[in-house]
Amino acid sequence: MRYGSVWIIRRTQKKLLRYFSRFFQKVLIDVQKHSTSLRIEEKGVMNRINDRDAMFKSVRANPGNRELKDRYNELRAQIKLEVKTAKLRYYRDKIASNLSNPKKYGEL
């Protein structure tokens, strides 16, 4: 049964990664017209997500390495906060742009 639960967790992680990569691609496409610095920042988040995934493999291979685990947990916390702020910023800007144009307000 343990093997099955590990499979379910991995499948869920893959779905989440696909969701976030789609979300950030959408953010990049919407933001491309306005701000280059924000686009670079969002790409940085995707790079950190990939680094976190690589570090997860190292943590699993070396379970006794406490420093590596602490660094991994710090990285997870940073990514979680950055994803949350990126989502809030994206939707706040989308709402603000739609409120400035009353015809688009219903499209949100």
C-alpha atoms as a PDB file:
ATOM      1  CA  MET A   1       0.000   0.000   0.000  1.00  0.00           C
ATOM      2  CA  ARG A   2       2.892   2.341   0.698  1.00  0.00           C
ATOM      3  CA  TYR A   3       4.054   2.078  -2.901  1.00  0.00           C
ATOM      4  CA  GLY A   4       0.614   3.118  -4.130  1.00  0.00           C
ATOM      5  CA  SER A   5       0.494   6.148  -1.855  1.00  0.00           C
ATOM      6  CA  VAL A   6       3.951   7.256  -3.033  1.00  0.00           C
ATOM      7  CA  TRP A   7       2.739   6.971  -6.618  1.00  0.00           C
ATOM      8  CA  ILE A   8      -0.305   9.130  -5.817  1.00  0.00           C
ATOM      9  CA  ILE A   9       1.895  11.767  -4.175  1.00  0.00           C
ATOM     10  CA  ARG A  10       4.243  11.875  -7.170  1.00  0.00           C
ATOM     11  CA  ARG A  11       1.316  12.156  -9.563  1.00  0.00           C
ATOM     12  CA  THR A  12      -0.107  15.026  -7.498  1.00  0.00           C
ATOM     13  CA  GLN A  13       3.266  16.797  -7.452  1.00  0.00           C
ATOM     14  CA  LYS A  14       3.506  16.520 -11.227  1.00  0.00           C
ATOM     15  CA  LYS A  15       0.001  17.961 -11.610  1.00  0.00           C
ATOM     16  CA  LEU A  16       0.881  20.866  -9.316  1.00  0.00           C
ATOM     17  CA  LEU A  17       4.090  21.568 -11.210  1.00  0.00           C
ATOM     18  CA  ARG A  18       2.186  21.542 -14.501  1.00  0.00           C
ATOM     19  CA  TYR A  19      -0.427  23.902 -13.018  1.00  0.00           C
ATOM     20  CA  PHE A  20       2.184  26.346 -11.749  1.00  0.00           C
ATOM     21  CA  SER A  21       4.182  26.264 -14.969  1.00  0.00           C
ATOM     22  CA  ARG A  22       0.988  26.995 -16.942  1.00  0.00           C
ATOM     23  CA  PHE A  23       0.113  29.766 -14.497  1.00  0.00           C
ATOM     24  CA  PHE A  24       3.524  31.411 -14.840  1.00  0.00           C
ATOM     25  CA  GLN A  25       3.470  31.064 -18.626  1.00  0.00           C
ATOM     26  CA  LYS A  26       0.135  32.878 -18.591  1.00  0.00           C
ATOM     27  CA  VAL A  27       1.596  35.562 -16.327  1.00  0.00           C
ATOM     28  CA  LEU A  28       4.587  35.927 -18.640  1.00  0.00           C
ATOM     29  CA  ILE A  29       2.384  36.292 -21.711  1.00  0.00           C
ATOM     30  CA  ASP A  30       0.150  38.898 -20.027  1.00  0.00           C
ATOM     31  CA  VAL A  31       3.043  40.833 -18.540  1.00  0.00           C
ATOM     32  CA  GLN A  32       5.315  40.812 -21.598  1.00  0.00           C
ATOM     33  CA  LYS A  33       3.792  44.011 -22.913  1.00  0.00           C
ATOM     34  CA  HIS A  34       4.208  45.967 -19.695  1.00  0.00           C
ATOM     35  CA  SER A  35       7.270  45.155 -17.603  1.00  0.00           C
ATOM     36  CA  THR A  36      10.445  43.281 -18.403  1.00  0.00           C
ATOM     37  CA  SER A  37      11.624  43.189 -14.791  1.00  0.00           C
ATOM     38  CA  LEU A  38       8.482  41.371 -13.633  1.00  0.00           C
ATOM     39  CA  ARG A  39       8.941  38.806 -16.410  1.00  0.00           C
ATOM     40  CA  ILE A  40      12.505  38.137 -15.258  1.00  0.00           C
ATOM     41  CA  GLU A  41      11.265  37.798 -11.662  1.00  0.00           C
ATOM     42  CA  GLU A  42       8.649  35.191 -12.645  1.00  0.00           C
ATOM     43  CA  LYS A  43      11.243  33.216 -14.628  1.00  0.00           C
ATOM     44  CA  GLY A  44      13.384  33.259 -11.493  1.00  0.00           C
ATOM     45  CA  VAL A  45      10.552  31.623  -9.569  1.00  0.00           C
ATOM     46  CA  MET A  46      10.345  28.824 -12.138  1.00  0.00           C
ATOM     47  CA  ASN A  47      14.124  28.315 -11.905  1.00  0.00           C
ATOM     48  CA  ARG A  48      13.869  28.077  -8.109  1.00  0.00           C
ATOM     49  CA  ILE A  49      11.063  25.522  -8.443  1.00  0.00           C
ATOM     50  CA  ASN A  50      13.337  23.409 -10.659  1.00  0.00           C
ATOM     51  CA  ASP A  51      16.193  23.832  -8.149  1.00  0.00           C
ATOM     52  CA  ARG A  52      13.870  22.711  -5.364  1.00  0.00           C
ATOM     53  CA  ASP A  53      12.947  19.573  -7.294  1.00  0.00           C
ATOM     54  CA  ALA A  54      16.631  18.742  -7.833  1.00  0.00           C
ATOM     55  CA  MET A  55      17.374  19.405  -4.159  1.00  0.00           C
ATOM     56  CA  PHE A  56      14.511  17.088  -3.151  1.00  0.00           C
ATOM     57  CA  LYS A  57      16.346  14.205  -4.829  1.00  0.00           C
ATOM     58  CA  SER A  58      19.493  15.081  -2.859  1.00  0.00           C
ATOM     59  CA  VAL A  59      17.543  15.212   0.405  1.00  0.00           C
ATOM     60  CA  ARG A  60      16.046  11.783  -0.282  1.00  0.00           C
ATOM     61  CA  ALA A  61      19.483  10.377  -1.091  1.00  0.00           C
ATOM     62  CA  ASN A  62      21.051  11.876   2.088  1.00  0.00           C
ATOM     63  CA  PRO A  63      18.366  11.787   4.807  1.00  0.00           C
ATOM     64  CA  GLY A  64      20.896  12.411   7.616  1.00  0.00           C
ATOM     65  CA  ASN A  65      22.178  15.710   6.196  1.00  0.00           C
ATOM     66  CA  ARG A  66      20.413  18.262   8.411  1.00  0.00           C
ATOM     67  CA  GLU A  67      21.877  21.343   6.683  1.00  0.00           C
ATOM     68  CA  LEU A  68      20.588  20.154   3.319  1.00  0.00           C
ATOM     69  CA  LYS A  69      17.129  19.530   4.781  1.00  0.00           C
ATOM     70  CA  ASP A  70      17.071  22.999   6.363  1.00  0.00           C
ATOM     71  CA  ARG A  71      18.105  24.630   3.066  1.00  0.00           C
ATOM     72  CA  TYR A  72      15.436  22.633   1.237  1.00  0.00           C
ATOM     73  CA  ASN A  73      12.752  23.745   3.714  1.00  0.00           C
ATOM     74  CA  GLU A  74      13.874  27.383   3.415  1.00  0.00           C
ATOM     75  CA  LEU A  75      13.674  27.146  -0.366  1.00  0.00           C
ATOM     76  CA  ARG A  76      10.177  25.625  -0.169  1.00  0.00           C
ATOM     77  CA  ALA A  77       9.017  28.457   2.099  1.00  0.00           C
ATOM     78  CA  GLN A  78      10.487  31.101  -0.229  1.00  0.00           C
ATOM     79  CA  ILE A  79       8.830  29.573  -3.274  1.00  0.00           C
ATOM     80  CA  LYS A  80       5.490  29.296  -1.500  1.00  0.00           C
ATOM     81  CA  LEU A  81       5.601  32.989  -0.570  1.00  0.00           C
ATOM     82  CA  GLU A  82       6.726  34.077  -4.047  1.00  0.00           C
ATOM     83  CA  VAL A  83       4.016  32.057  -5.783  1.00  0.00           C
ATOM     84  CA  LYS A  84       1.402  33.528  -3.463  1.00  0.00           C
ATOM     85  CA  THR A  85       2.560  37.121  -4.050  1.00  0.00           C
ATOM     86  CA  ALA A  86       2.838  36.562  -7.821  1.00  0.00           C
ATOM     87  CA  LYS A  87      -0.736  35.263  -7.946  1.00  0.00           C
ATOM     88  CA  LEU A  88      -2.031  38.161  -5.856  1.00  0.00           C
ATOM     89  CA  ARG A  89      -0.158  40.704  -7.992  1.00  0.00           C
ATOM     90  CA  TYR A  90      -1.385  39.118 -11.213  1.00  0.00           C
ATOM     91  CA  TYR A  91      -5.051  39.087 -10.199  1.00  0.00           C
ATOM     92  CA  ARG A  92      -4.856  42.539  -8.606  1.00  0.00           C
ATOM     93  CA  ASP A  93      -3.452  43.979 -11.848  1.00  0.00           C
ATOM     94  CA  LYS A  94      -6.035  42.106 -13.920  1.00  0.00           C
ATOM     95  CA  ILE A  95      -8.888  43.458 -11.782  1.00  0.00           C
ATOM     96  CA  ALA A  96      -7.438  46.986 -11.890  1.00  0.00           C
ATOM     97  CA  SER A  97      -7.135  46.910 -15.684  1.00  0.00           C
ATOM     98  CA  ASN A  98     -10.691  45.618 -16.054  1.00  0.00           C
ATOM     99  CA  LEU A  99     -12.103  48.215 -13.673  1.00  0.00           C
ATOM    100  CA  SER A 100     -10.507  51.005 -15.704  1.00  0.00           C
ATOM    101  CA  ASN A 101     -12.369  49.756 -18.792  1.00  0.00           C
ATOM    102  CA  PRO A 102     -16.065  49.177 -17.922  1.00  0.00           C
ATOM    103  CA  LYS A 103     -16.702  47.125 -21.090  1.00  0.00           C
ATOM    104  CA  LYS A 104     -14.144  44.527 -20.002  1.00  0.00           C
ATOM    105  CA  TYR A 105     -15.464  44.313 -16.435  1.00  0.00           C
ATOM    106  CA  GLY A 106     -17.799  41.422 -17.324  1.00  0.00           C
ATOM    107  CA  GLU A 107     -14.969  39.435 -18.961  1.00  0.00           C
ATOM    108  CA  LEU A 108     -13.146  38.897 -15.655  1.00  0.00           C
END
